[in-house]
Amino acid sequence: KLLVNRTEAQVNAYWARLLFSGRSVPPEEADSPEALITQIQQTDLAI
């Protein structure tokens, strides 16, 4: 909502179109903030 002023459903629809066209893949999902933090801490290339 803050980033692109879209709901999660709208963002999911956006990614569905990109996936279908083969132009891009969505971000990797982390199950929780703790899992996301662990993933980011383990690689210098994560955001």
All heavy atoms as atom14 arrays in JSON, in Angstrom:
{
  "sequence": "KLLVNRTEAQVNAYWARLLFSGRSVPPEEADSPEALITQIQQTDLAI",
  "atom14_mask": [
    [1, 1, 1, 1, 1, 1, 1, 1, 1, 0, 0, 0, 0, 0],
    [1, 1, 1, 1, 1, 1, 1, 1, 0, 0, 0, 0, 0, 0],
    [1, 1, 1, 1, 1, 1, 1, 1, 0, 0, 0, 0, 0, 0],
    [1, 1, 1, 1, 1, 1, 1, 0, 0, 0, 0, 0, 0, 0],
    [1, 1, 1, 1, 1, 1, 1, 1, 0, 0, 0, 0, 0, 0],
    [1, 1, 1, 1, 1, 1, 1, 1, 1, 1, 1, 0, 0, 0],
    [1, 1, 1, 1, 1, 1, 1, 0, 0, 0, 0, 0, 0, 0],
    [1, 1, 1, 1, 1, 1, 1, 1, 1, 0, 0, 0, 0, 0],
    [1, 1, 1, 1, 1, 0, 0, 0, 0, 0, 0, 0, 0, 0],
    [1, 1, 1, 1, 1, 1, 1, 1, 1, 0, 0, 0, 0, 0],
    [1, 1, 1, 1, 1, 1, 1, 0, 0, 0, 0, 0, 0, 0],
    [1, 1, 1, 1, 1, 1, 1, 1, 0, 0, 0, 0, 0, 0],
    [1, 1, 1, 1, 1, 0, 0, 0, 0, 0, 0, 0, 0, 0],
    [1, 1, 1, 1, 1, 1, 1, 1, 1, 1, 1, 1, 0, 0],
    [1, 1, 1, 1, 1, 1, 1, 1, 1, 1, 1, 1, 1, 1],
    [1, 1, 1, 1, 1, 0, 0, 0, 0, 0, 0, 0, 0, 0],
    [1, 1, 1, 1, 1, 1, 1, 1, 1, 1, 1, 0, 0, 0],
    [1, 1, 1, 1, 1, 1, 1, 1, 0, 0, 0, 0, 0, 0],
    [1, 1, 1, 1, 1, 1, 1, 1, 0, 0, 0, 0, 0, 0],
    [1, 1, 1, 1, 1, 1, 1, 1, 1, 1, 1, 0, 0, 0],
    [1, 1, 1, 1, 1, 1, 0, 0, 0, 0, 0, 0, 0, 0],
    [1, 1, 1, 1, 0, 0, 0, 0, 0, 0, 0, 0, 0, 0],
    [1, 1, 1, 1, 1, 1, 1, 1, 1, 1, 1, 0, 0, 0],
    [1, 1, 1, 1, 1, 1, 0, 0, 0, 0, 0, 0, 0, 0],
    [1, 1, 1, 1, 1, 1, 1, 0, 0, 0, 0, 0, 0, 0],
    [1, 1, 1, 1, 1, 1, 1, 0, 0, 0, 0, 0, 0, 0],
    [1, 1, 1, 1, 1, 1, 1, 0, 0, 0, 0, 0, 0, 0],
    [1, 1, 1, 1, 1, 1, 1, 1, 1, 0, 0, 0, 0, 0],
    [1, 1, 1, 1, 1, 1, 1, 1, 1, 0, 0, 0, 0, 0],
    [1, 1, 1, 1, 1, 0, 0, 0, 0, 0, 0, 0, 0, 0],
    [1, 1, 1, 1, 1, 1, 1, 1, 0, 0, 0, 0, 0, 0],
    [1, 1, 1, 1, 1, 1, 0, 0, 0, 0, 0, 0, 0, 0],
    [1, 1, 1, 1, 1, 1, 1, 0, 0, 0, 0, 0, 0, 0],
    [1, 1, 1, 1, 1, 1, 1, 1, 1, 0, 0, 0, 0, 0],
    [1, 1, 1, 1, 1, 0, 0, 0, 0, 0, 0, 0, 0, 0],
    [1, 1, 1, 1, 1, 1, 1, 1, 0, 0, 0, 0, 0, 0],
    [1, 1, 1, 1, 1, 1, 1, 1, 0, 0, 0, 0, 0, 0],
    [1, 1, 1, 1, 1, 1, 1, 0, 0, 0, 0, 0, 0, 0],
    [1, 1, 1, 1, 1, 1, 1, 1, 1, 0, 0, 0, 0, 0],
    [1, 1, 1, 1, 1, 1, 1, 1, 0, 0, 0, 0, 0, 0],
    [1, 1, 1, 1, 1, 1, 1, 1, 1, 0, 0, 0, 0, 0],
    [1, 1, 1, 1, 1, 1, 1, 1, 1, 0, 0, 0, 0, 0],
    [1, 1, 1, 1, 1, 1, 1, 0, 0, 0, 0, 0, 0, 0],
    [1, 1, 1, 1, 1, 1, 1, 1, 0, 0, 0, 0, 0, 0],
    [1, 1, 1, 1, 1, 1, 1, 1, 0, 0, 0, 0, 0, 0],
    [1, 1, 1, 1, 1, 0, 0, 0, 0, 0, 0, 0, 0, 0],
    [1, 1, 1, 1, 1, 1, 1, 1, 0, 0, 0, 0, 0, 0]
  ],
  "atom14_positions": [
    [[0.85, -1.19, 0.0], [0.0, 0.0, 0.0], [0.89, 1.25, 0.0], [0.66, 2.2, -0.76], [-0.93, -0.01, 1.22], [-1.97, 1.05, 1.18], [-2.95, 0.76, 0.06], [-4.13, 1.68, 0.11], [-4.94, 1.61, -1.08], [0.0, 0.0, 0.0], [0.0, 0.0, 0.0], [0.0, 0.0, 0.0], [0.0, 0.0, 0.0], [0.0, 0.0, 0.0]],
    [[1.92, 1.25, 0.83], [2.85, 2.39, 0.88], [3.75, 2.46, -0.35], [4.09, 3.54, -0.82], [3.71, 2.31, 2.14], [3.0, 2.55, 3.46], [3.91, 2.21, 4.63], [2.51, 3.99, 3.56], [0.0, 0.0, 0.0], [0.0, 0.0, 0.0], [0.0, 0.0, 0.0], [0.0, 0.0, 0.0], [0.0, 0.0, 0.0], [0.0, 0.0, 0.0]],
    [[4.14, 1.31, -0.86], [5.09, 1.26, -1.98], [4.44, 1.69, -3.29], [4.96, 2.58, -3.98], [5.68, -0.14, -2.12], [6.77, -0.3, -3.17], [8.03, 0.47, -2.75], [7.11, -1.78, -3.36], [0.0, 0.0, 0.0], [0.0, 0.0, 0.0], [0.0, 0.0, 0.0], [0.0, 0.0, 0.0], [0.0, 0.0, 0.0], [0.0, 0.0, 0.0]],
    [[3.32, 1.07, -3.65], [2.72, 1.32, -4.96], [1.21, 1.62, -4.89], [0.54, 1.6, -5.91], [2.98, 0.14, -5.94], [4.44, 0.08, -6.34], [2.5, -1.18, -5.35], [0.0, 0.0, 0.0], [0.0, 0.0, 0.0], [0.0, 0.0, 0.0], [0.0, 0.0, 0.0], [0.0, 0.0, 0.0], [0.0, 0.0, 0.0], [0.0, 0.0, 0.0]],
    [[0.73, 1.83, -3.67], [-0.68, 2.15, -3.45], [-1.61, 1.08, -4.04], [-2.61, 1.4, -4.69], [-1.04, 3.54, -3.96], [-2.34, 4.04, -3.37], [-2.72, 3.66, -2.26], [-3.04, 4.88, -4.11], [0.0, 0.0, 0.0], [0.0, 0.0, 0.0], [0.0, 0.0, 0.0], [0.0, 0.0, 0.0], [0.0, 0.0, 0.0], [0.0, 0.0, 0.0]],
    [[-1.23, -0.19, -3.83], [-2.03, -1.32, -4.31], [-2.29, -2.29, -3.17], [-1.48, -2.43, -2.26], [-1.31, -2.08, -5.43], [-1.17, -1.29, -6.7], [-0.56, -2.14, -7.78], [-0.38, -1.36, -9.0], [0.18, -1.84, -10.08], [0.62, -3.08, -10.13], [0.32, -1.08, -11.14], [0.0, 0.0, 0.0], [0.0, 0.0, 0.0], [0.0, 0.0, 0.0]],
    [[-3.4, -2.99, -3.26], [-3.7, -4.03, -2.29], [-2.88, -5.28, -2.62], [-2.33, -5.4, -3.74], [-5.19, -4.4, -2.3], [-5.5, -4.99, -3.59], [-6.07, -3.19, -2.04], [0.0, 0.0, 0.0], [0.0, 0.0, 0.0], [0.0, 0.0, 0.0], [0.0, 0.0, 0.0], [0.0, 0.0, 0.0], [0.0, 0.0, 0.0], [0.0, 0.0, 0.0]],
    [[-2.86, -6.2, -1.69], [-2.14, -7.45, -1.95], [-2.75, -8.2, -3.13], [-2.03, -8.77, -3.95], [-2.16, -8.33, -0.7], [-1.3, -9.55, -0.82], [-1.22, -10.37, 0.45], [-1.48, -9.85, 1.53], [-0.9, -11.57, 0.32], [0.0, 0.0, 0.0], [0.0, 0.0, 0.0], [0.0, 0.0, 0.0], [0.0, 0.0, 0.0], [0.0, 0.0, 0.0]],
    [[-4.07, -8.18, -3.26], [-4.74, -8.84, -4.39], [-4.31, -8.21, -5.72], [-4.08, -8.91, -6.71], [-6.25, -8.77, -4.23], [0.0, 0.0, 0.0], [0.0, 0.0, 0.0], [0.0, 0.0, 0.0], [0.0, 0.0, 0.0], [0.0, 0.0, 0.0], [0.0, 0.0, 0.0], [0.0, 0.0, 0.0], [0.0, 0.0, 0.0], [0.0, 0.0, 0.0]],
    [[-4.19, -6.9, -5.75], [-3.76, -6.21, -6.97], [-2.31, -6.55, -7.31], [-1.96, -6.75, -8.48], [-3.93, -4.7, -6.82], [-5.37, -4.25, -6.79], [-5.5, -2.78, -6.4], [-4.82, -2.28, -5.51], [-6.4, -2.09, -7.09], [0.0, 0.0, 0.0], [0.0, 0.0, 0.0], [0.0, 0.0, 0.0], [0.0, 0.0, 0.0], [0.0, 0.0, 0.0]],
    [[-1.47, -6.65, -6.3], [-0.07, -7.02, -6.52], [0.01, -8.46, -7.02], [0.79, -8.77, -7.94], [0.77, -6.82, -5.23], [2.16, -7.41, -5.37], [0.85, -5.34, -4.88], [0.0, 0.0, 0.0], [0.0, 0.0, 0.0], [0.0, 0.0, 0.0], [0.0, 0.0, 0.0], [0.0, 0.0, 0.0], [0.0, 0.0, 0.0], [0.0, 0.0, 0.0]],
    [[-0.8, -9.35, -6.45], [-0.82, -10.75, -6.92], [-1.25, -10.84, -8.38], [-0.7, -11.63, -9.16], [-1.72, -11.59, -6.03], [-1.14, -11.81, -4.65], [0.06, -11.65, -4.43], [-2.0, -12.16, -3.71], [0.0, 0.0, 0.0], [0.0, 0.0, 0.0], [0.0, 0.0, 0.0], [0.0, 0.0, 0.0], [0.0, 0.0, 0.0], [0.0, 0.0, 0.0]],
    [[-2.25, -10.05, -8.76], [-2.7, -10.04, -10.16], [-1.6, -9.51, -11.07], [-1.39, -10.03, -12.18], [-3.96, -9.18, -10.29], [0.0, 0.0, 0.0], [0.0, 0.0, 0.0], [0.0, 0.0, 0.0], [0.0, 0.0, 0.0], [0.0, 0.0, 0.0], [0.0, 0.0, 0.0], [0.0, 0.0, 0.0], [0.0, 0.0, 0.0], [0.0, 0.0, 0.0]],
    [[-0.88, -8.5, -10.63], [0.26, -7.94, -11.38], [1.29, -9.04, -11.64], [1.75, -9.23, -12.77], [0.85, -6.78, -10.57], [2.18, -6.28, -11.05], [2.26, -5.33, -12.06], [3.37, -6.74, -10.48], [3.49, -4.86, -12.5], [4.6, -6.26, -10.91], [4.66, -5.33, -11.91], [5.88, -4.86, -12.34], [0.0, 0.0, 0.0], [0.0, 0.0, 0.0]],
    [[1.65, -9.79, -10.57], [2.64, -10.84, -10.72], [2.14, -11.99, -11.59], [2.91, -12.59, -12.35], [3.1, -11.36, -9.36], [4.13, -10.44, -8.76], [4.01, -9.65, -7.67], [5.45, -10.21, -9.28], [5.16, -8.93, -7.49], [6.06, -9.27, -8.45], [6.16, -10.71, -10.36], [7.36, -8.81, -8.66], [7.45, -10.25, -10.58], [8.04, -9.32, -9.73]],
    [[0.86, -12.27, -11.53], [0.3, -13.33, -12.37], [0.47, -12.98, -13.85], [0.83, -13.84, -14.66], [-1.18, -13.54, -12.04], [0.0, 0.0, 0.0], [0.0, 0.0, 0.0], [0.0, 0.0, 0.0], [0.0, 0.0, 0.0], [0.0, 0.0, 0.0], [0.0, 0.0, 0.0], [0.0, 0.0, 0.0], [0.0, 0.0, 0.0], [0.0, 0.0, 0.0]],
    [[0.24, -11.71, -14.18], [0.42, -11.27, -15.57], [1.88, -11.38, -15.99], [2.19, -11.84, -17.09], [-0.07, -9.83, -15.76], [-1.58, -9.7, -15.79], [-2.04, -8.3, -16.2], [-1.51, -7.23, -15.38], [-2.03, -6.8, -14.22], [-3.12, -7.38, -13.75], [-1.48, -5.81, -13.56], [0.0, 0.0, 0.0], [0.0, 0.0, 0.0], [0.0, 0.0, 0.0]],
    [[2.8, -10.96, -15.11], [4.22, -11.03, -15.45], [4.7, -12.47, -15.58], [5.49, -12.79, -16.48], [5.06, -10.3, -14.39], [5.03, -8.78, -14.42], [5.94, -8.21, -13.34], [5.43, -8.22, -15.77], [0.0, 0.0, 0.0], [0.0, 0.0, 0.0], [0.0, 0.0, 0.0], [0.0, 0.0, 0.0], [0.0, 0.0, 0.0], [0.0, 0.0, 0.0]],
    [[4.22, -13.33, -14.71], [4.59, -14.75, -14.8], [4.08, -15.37, -16.08], [4.8, -16.12, -16.76], [4.03, -15.52, -13.6], [4.86, -15.51, -12.34], [4.08, -16.1, -11.17], [6.16, -16.25, -12.54], [0.0, 0.0, 0.0], [0.0, 0.0, 0.0], [0.0, 0.0, 0.0], [0.0, 0.0, 0.0], [0.0, 0.0, 0.0], [0.0, 0.0, 0.0]],
    [[2.83, -15.08, -16.43], [2.23, -15.63, -17.64], [3.0, -15.18, -18.88], [3.22, -15.96, -19.8], [0.77, -15.2, -17.74], [0.07, -15.77, -18.95], [-0.29, -17.11, -18.99], [-0.22, -14.96, -20.05], [-0.93, -17.64, -20.11], [-0.85, -15.49, -21.16], [-1.2, -16.83, -21.2], [0.0, 0.0, 0.0], [0.0, 0.0, 0.0], [0.0, 0.0, 0.0]],
    [[3.45, -13.94, -18.89], [4.18, -13.42, -20.05], [5.65, -13.86, -20.05], [6.34, -13.69, -21.04], [4.11, -11.89, -20.08], [4.86, -11.34, -19.01], [0.0, 0.0, 0.0], [0.0, 0.0, 0.0], [0.0, 0.0, 0.0], [0.0, 0.0, 0.0], [0.0, 0.0, 0.0], [0.0, 0.0, 0.0], [0.0, 0.0, 0.0], [0.0, 0.0, 0.0]],
    [[6.11, -14.4, -18.92], [7.49, -14.86, -18.83], [8.49, -13.74, -18.63], [9.69, -13.93, -18.78], [0.0, 0.0, 0.0], [0.0, 0.0, 0.0], [0.0, 0.0, 0.0], [0.0, 0.0, 0.0], [0.0, 0.0, 0.0], [0.0, 0.0, 0.0], [0.0, 0.0, 0.0], [0.0, 0.0, 0.0], [0.0, 0.0, 0.0], [0.0, 0.0, 0.0]],
    [[8.02, -12.56, -18.28], [8.92, -11.41, -18.15], [9.65, -11.33, -16.82], [10.72, -10.73, -16.75], [8.16, -10.1, -18.38], [7.69, -9.95, -19.81], [7.12, -8.6, -20.06], [5.91, -8.42, -19.25], [5.22, -7.31, -19.2], [5.61, -6.26, -19.87], [4.12, -7.23, -18.47], [0.0, 0.0, 0.0], [0.0, 0.0, 0.0], [0.0, 0.0, 0.0]],
    [[9.09, -11.9, -15.77], [9.72, -11.78, -14.47], [9.14, -12.8, -13.5], [8.09, -13.39, -13.77], [9.51, -10.36, -13.92], [10.32, -10.13, -12.79], [0.0, 0.0, 0.0], [0.0, 0.0, 0.0], [0.0, 0.0, 0.0], [0.0, 0.0, 0.0], [0.0, 0.0, 0.0], [0.0, 0.0, 0.0], [0.0, 0.0, 0.0], [0.0, 0.0, 0.0]],
    [[9.82, -13.0, -12.39], [9.31, -13.87, -11.34], [9.16, -13.05, -10.05], [9.94, -12.14, -9.8], [10.24, -15.09, -11.09], [10.25, -16.0, -12.29], [11.63, -14.65, -10.74], [0.0, 0.0, 0.0], [0.0, 0.0, 0.0], [0.0, 0.0, 0.0], [0.0, 0.0, 0.0], [0.0, 0.0, 0.0], [0.0, 0.0, 0.0], [0.0, 0.0, 0.0]],
    [[8.16, -13.39, -9.24], [7.94, -12.62, -8.01], [9.05, -12.86, -6.99], [9.81, -13.82, -7.09], [6.6, -13.15, -7.5], [6.44, -14.48, -8.12], [7.17, -14.44, -9.42], [0.0, 0.0, 0.0], [0.0, 0.0, 0.0], [0.0, 0.0, 0.0], [0.0, 0.0, 0.0], [0.0, 0.0, 0.0], [0.0, 0.0, 0.0], [0.0, 0.0, 0.0]],
    [[9.11, -11.99, -5.99], [10.1, -12.2, -4.91], [9.88, -13.53, -4.21], [8.77, -14.06, -4.19], [9.81, -11.03, -3.95], [9.1, -10.01, -4.76], [8.33, -10.78, -5.8], [0.0, 0.0, 0.0], [0.0, 0.0, 0.0], [0.0, 0.0, 0.0], [0.0, 0.0, 0.0], [0.0, 0.0, 0.0], [0.0, 0.0, 0.0], [0.0, 0.0, 0.0]],
    [[10.96, -14.05, -3.63], [10.86, -15.27, -2.84], [10.08, -14.94, -1.57], [10.26, -13.87, -1.0], [12.25, -15.77, -2.45], [13.1, -16.14, -3.65], [14.5, -16.55, -3.23], [14.63, -17.44, -2.36], [15.45, -15.97, -3.77], [0.0, 0.0, 0.0], [0.0, 0.0, 0.0], [0.0, 0.0, 0.0], [0.0, 0.0, 0.0], [0.0, 0.0, 0.0]],
    [[9.22, -15.86, -1.12], [8.43, -15.61, 0.08], [9.08, -16.24, 1.3], [9.57, -17.36, 1.25], [7.01, -16.16, -0.08], [6.12, -15.25, -0.86], [4.63, -15.58, -0.69], [4.28, -16.56, 0.01], [3.83, -14.83, -1.25], [0.0, 0.0, 0.0], [0.0, 0.0, 0.0], [0.0, 0.0, 0.0], [0.0, 0.0, 0.0], [0.0, 0.0, 0.0]],
    [[9.04, -15.49, 2.39], [9.45, -16.0, 3.7], [8.2, -16.16, 4.54], [7.3, -15.33, 4.48], [10.42, -15.02, 4.34], [0.0, 0.0, 0.0], [0.0, 0.0, 0.0], [0.0, 0.0, 0.0], [0.0, 0.0, 0.0], [0.0, 0.0, 0.0], [0.0, 0.0, 0.0], [0.0, 0.0, 0.0], [0.0, 0.0, 0.0], [0.0, 0.0, 0.0]],
    [[8.14, -17.21, 5.33], [6.94, -17.52, 6.11], [6.66, -16.54, 7.24], [5.52, -16.41, 7.68], [7.03, -18.93, 6.69], [7.0, -19.99, 5.61], [6.39, -19.74, 4.55], [7.58, -21.06, 5.83], [0.0, 0.0, 0.0], [0.0, 0.0, 0.0], [0.0, 0.0, 0.0], [0.0, 0.0, 0.0], [0.0, 0.0, 0.0], [0.0, 0.0, 0.0]],
    [[7.7, -15.88, 7.73], [7.55, -14.99, 8.88], [8.62, -13.91, 8.83], [9.61, -14.05, 8.11], [7.7, -15.79, 10.17], [9.04, -16.24, 10.29], [0.0, 0.0, 0.0], [0.0, 0.0, 0.0], [0.0, 0.0, 0.0], [0.0, 0.0, 0.0], [0.0, 0.0, 0.0], [0.0, 0.0, 0.0], [0.0, 0.0, 0.0], [0.0, 0.0, 0.0]],
    [[8.44, -12.84, 9.59], [9.5, -11.82, 9.65], [10.83, -12.42, 10.12], [11.89, -12.04, 9.61], [8.96, -10.8, 10.67], [7.48, -10.93, 10.58], [7.25, -12.41, 10.33], [0.0, 0.0, 0.0], [0.0, 0.0, 0.0], [0.0, 0.0, 0.0], [0.0, 0.0, 0.0], [0.0, 0.0, 0.0], [0.0, 0.0, 0.0], [0.0, 0.0, 0.0]],
    [[10.77, -13.37, 11.04], [12.0, -14.0, 11.54], [12.71, -14.77, 10.42], [13.94, -14.69, 10.3], [11.68, -14.95, 12.71], [11.13, -14.26, 13.94], [9.65, -13.89, 13.85], [8.92, -14.43, 12.99], [9.21, -13.04, 14.64], [0.0, 0.0, 0.0], [0.0, 0.0, 0.0], [0.0, 0.0, 0.0], [0.0, 0.0, 0.0], [0.0, 0.0, 0.0]],
    [[11.95, -15.51, 9.61], [12.54, -16.24, 8.49], [13.11, -15.28, 7.46], [14.19, -15.52, 6.9], [11.49, -17.15, 7.85], [0.0, 0.0, 0.0], [0.0, 0.0, 0.0], [0.0, 0.0, 0.0], [0.0, 0.0, 0.0], [0.0, 0.0, 0.0], [0.0, 0.0, 0.0], [0.0, 0.0, 0.0], [0.0, 0.0, 0.0], [0.0, 0.0, 0.0]],
    [[12.42, -14.19, 7.21], [12.9, -13.19, 6.26], [14.21, -12.58, 6.75], [15.18, -12.44, 6.0], [11.84, -12.1, 6.06], [12.19, -11.06, 5.02], [10.98, -10.78, 4.14], [12.63, -9.77, 5.68], [0.0, 0.0, 0.0], [0.0, 0.0, 0.0], [0.0, 0.0, 0.0], [0.0, 0.0, 0.0], [0.0, 0.0, 0.0], [0.0, 0.0, 0.0]],
    [[14.26, -12.24, 8.03], [15.48, -11.66, 8.62], [16.65, -12.64, 8.49], [17.75, -12.25, 8.11], [15.23, -11.27, 10.09], [14.31, -10.04, 10.13], [16.53, -11.0, 10.83], [13.74, -9.74, 11.5], [0.0, 0.0, 0.0], [0.0, 0.0, 0.0], [0.0, 0.0, 0.0], [0.0, 0.0, 0.0], [0.0, 0.0, 0.0], [0.0, 0.0, 0.0]],
    [[16.4, -13.92, 8.78], [17.46, -14.93, 8.66], [17.97, -15.0, 7.23], [19.19, -15.04, 7.0], [16.93, -16.31, 9.12], [16.53, -16.2, 10.48], [17.99, -17.38, 8.96], [0.0, 0.0, 0.0], [0.0, 0.0, 0.0], [0.0, 0.0, 0.0], [0.0, 0.0, 0.0], [0.0, 0.0, 0.0], [0.0, 0.0, 0.0], [0.0, 0.0, 0.0]],
    [[17.07, -15.02, 6.25], [17.48, -15.08, 4.84], [18.33, -13.86, 4.47], [19.33, -13.99, 3.77], [16.25, -15.14, 3.92], [15.5, -16.43, 3.99], [16.27, -17.59, 3.36], [17.29, -17.43, 2.74], [15.76, -18.78, 3.58], [0.0, 0.0, 0.0], [0.0, 0.0, 0.0], [0.0, 0.0, 0.0], [0.0, 0.0, 0.0], [0.0, 0.0, 0.0]],
    [[17.92, -12.7, 4.92], [18.66, -11.48, 4.58], [20.04, -11.49, 5.24], [21.03, -11.12, 4.62], [17.86, -10.23, 4.97], [16.62, -10.12, 4.08], [18.71, -8.96, 4.85], [15.63, -9.07, 4.51], [0.0, 0.0, 0.0], [0.0, 0.0, 0.0], [0.0, 0.0, 0.0], [0.0, 0.0, 0.0], [0.0, 0.0, 0.0], [0.0, 0.0, 0.0]],
    [[20.1, -11.91, 6.49], [21.38, -11.94, 7.2], [22.36, -12.94, 6.58], [23.56, -12.76, 6.71], [21.16, -12.27, 8.67], [20.52, -11.15, 9.44], [20.15, -11.55, 10.86], [19.82, -12.71, 11.13], [20.19, -10.6, 11.77], [0.0, 0.0, 0.0], [0.0, 0.0, 0.0], [0.0, 0.0, 0.0], [0.0, 0.0, 0.0], [0.0, 0.0, 0.0]],
    [[21.85, -13.95, 5.91], [22.7, -15.0, 5.37], [23.26, -14.7, 3.98], [24.09, -15.46, 3.49], [21.95, -16.33, 5.36], [21.71, -16.86, 6.74], [20.91, -18.15, 6.75], [20.38, -18.6, 5.74], [20.82, -18.77, 7.92], [0.0, 0.0, 0.0], [0.0, 0.0, 0.0], [0.0, 0.0, 0.0], [0.0, 0.0, 0.0], [0.0, 0.0, 0.0]],
    [[22.79, -13.62, 3.34], [23.34, -13.29, 2.02], [23.46, -11.78, 1.87], [22.57, -11.04, 2.24], [22.49, -13.87, 0.88], [23.04, -13.44, -0.36], [21.05, -13.45, 0.94], [0.0, 0.0, 0.0], [0.0, 0.0, 0.0], [0.0, 0.0, 0.0], [0.0, 0.0, 0.0], [0.0, 0.0, 0.0], [0.0, 0.0, 0.0], [0.0, 0.0, 0.0]],
    [[24.57, -11.36, 1.32], [24.8, -9.93, 1.1], [23.97, -9.37, -0.04], [23.92, -8.17, -0.24], [26.29, -9.67, 0.81], [27.16, -9.9, 2.03], [26.62, -9.9, 3.16], [28.37, -10.07, 1.86], [0.0, 0.0, 0.0], [0.0, 0.0, 0.0], [0.0, 0.0, 0.0], [0.0, 0.0, 0.0], [0.0, 0.0, 0.0], [0.0, 0.0, 0.0]],
    [[23.33, -10.23, -0.81], [22.57, -9.77, -1.98], [21.07, -9.7, -1.74], [20.32, -9.36, -2.63], [22.87, -10.7, -3.17], [24.33, -10.81, -3.55], [24.51, -11.82, -4.67], [24.9, -9.47, -3.95], [0.0, 0.0, 0.0], [0.0, 0.0, 0.0], [0.0, 0.0, 0.0], [0.0, 0.0, 0.0], [0.0, 0.0, 0.0], [0.0, 0.0, 0.0]],
    [[20.63, -10.03, -0.53], [19.2, -10.09, -0.23], [18.66, -8.72, 0.19], [19.38, -7.88, 0.73], [18.94, -11.09, 0.87], [0.0, 0.0, 0.0], [0.0, 0.0, 0.0], [0.0, 0.0, 0.0], [0.0, 0.0, 0.0], [0.0, 0.0, 0.0], [0.0, 0.0, 0.0], [0.0, 0.0, 0.0], [0.0, 0.0, 0.0], [0.0, 0.0, 0.0]],
    [[17.37, -8.52, -0.09], [16.66, -7.32, 0.34], [15.25, -7.73, 0.72], [14.68, -8.64, 0.12], [16.65, -6.24, -0.77], [15.98, -4.95, -0.27], [16.01, -6.76, -2.05], [16.13, -3.78, -1.24], [0.0, 0.0, 0.0], [0.0, 0.0, 0.0], [0.0, 0.0, 0.0], [0.0, 0.0, 0.0], [0.0, 0.0, 0.0], [0.0, 0.0, 0.0]]
  ]
}
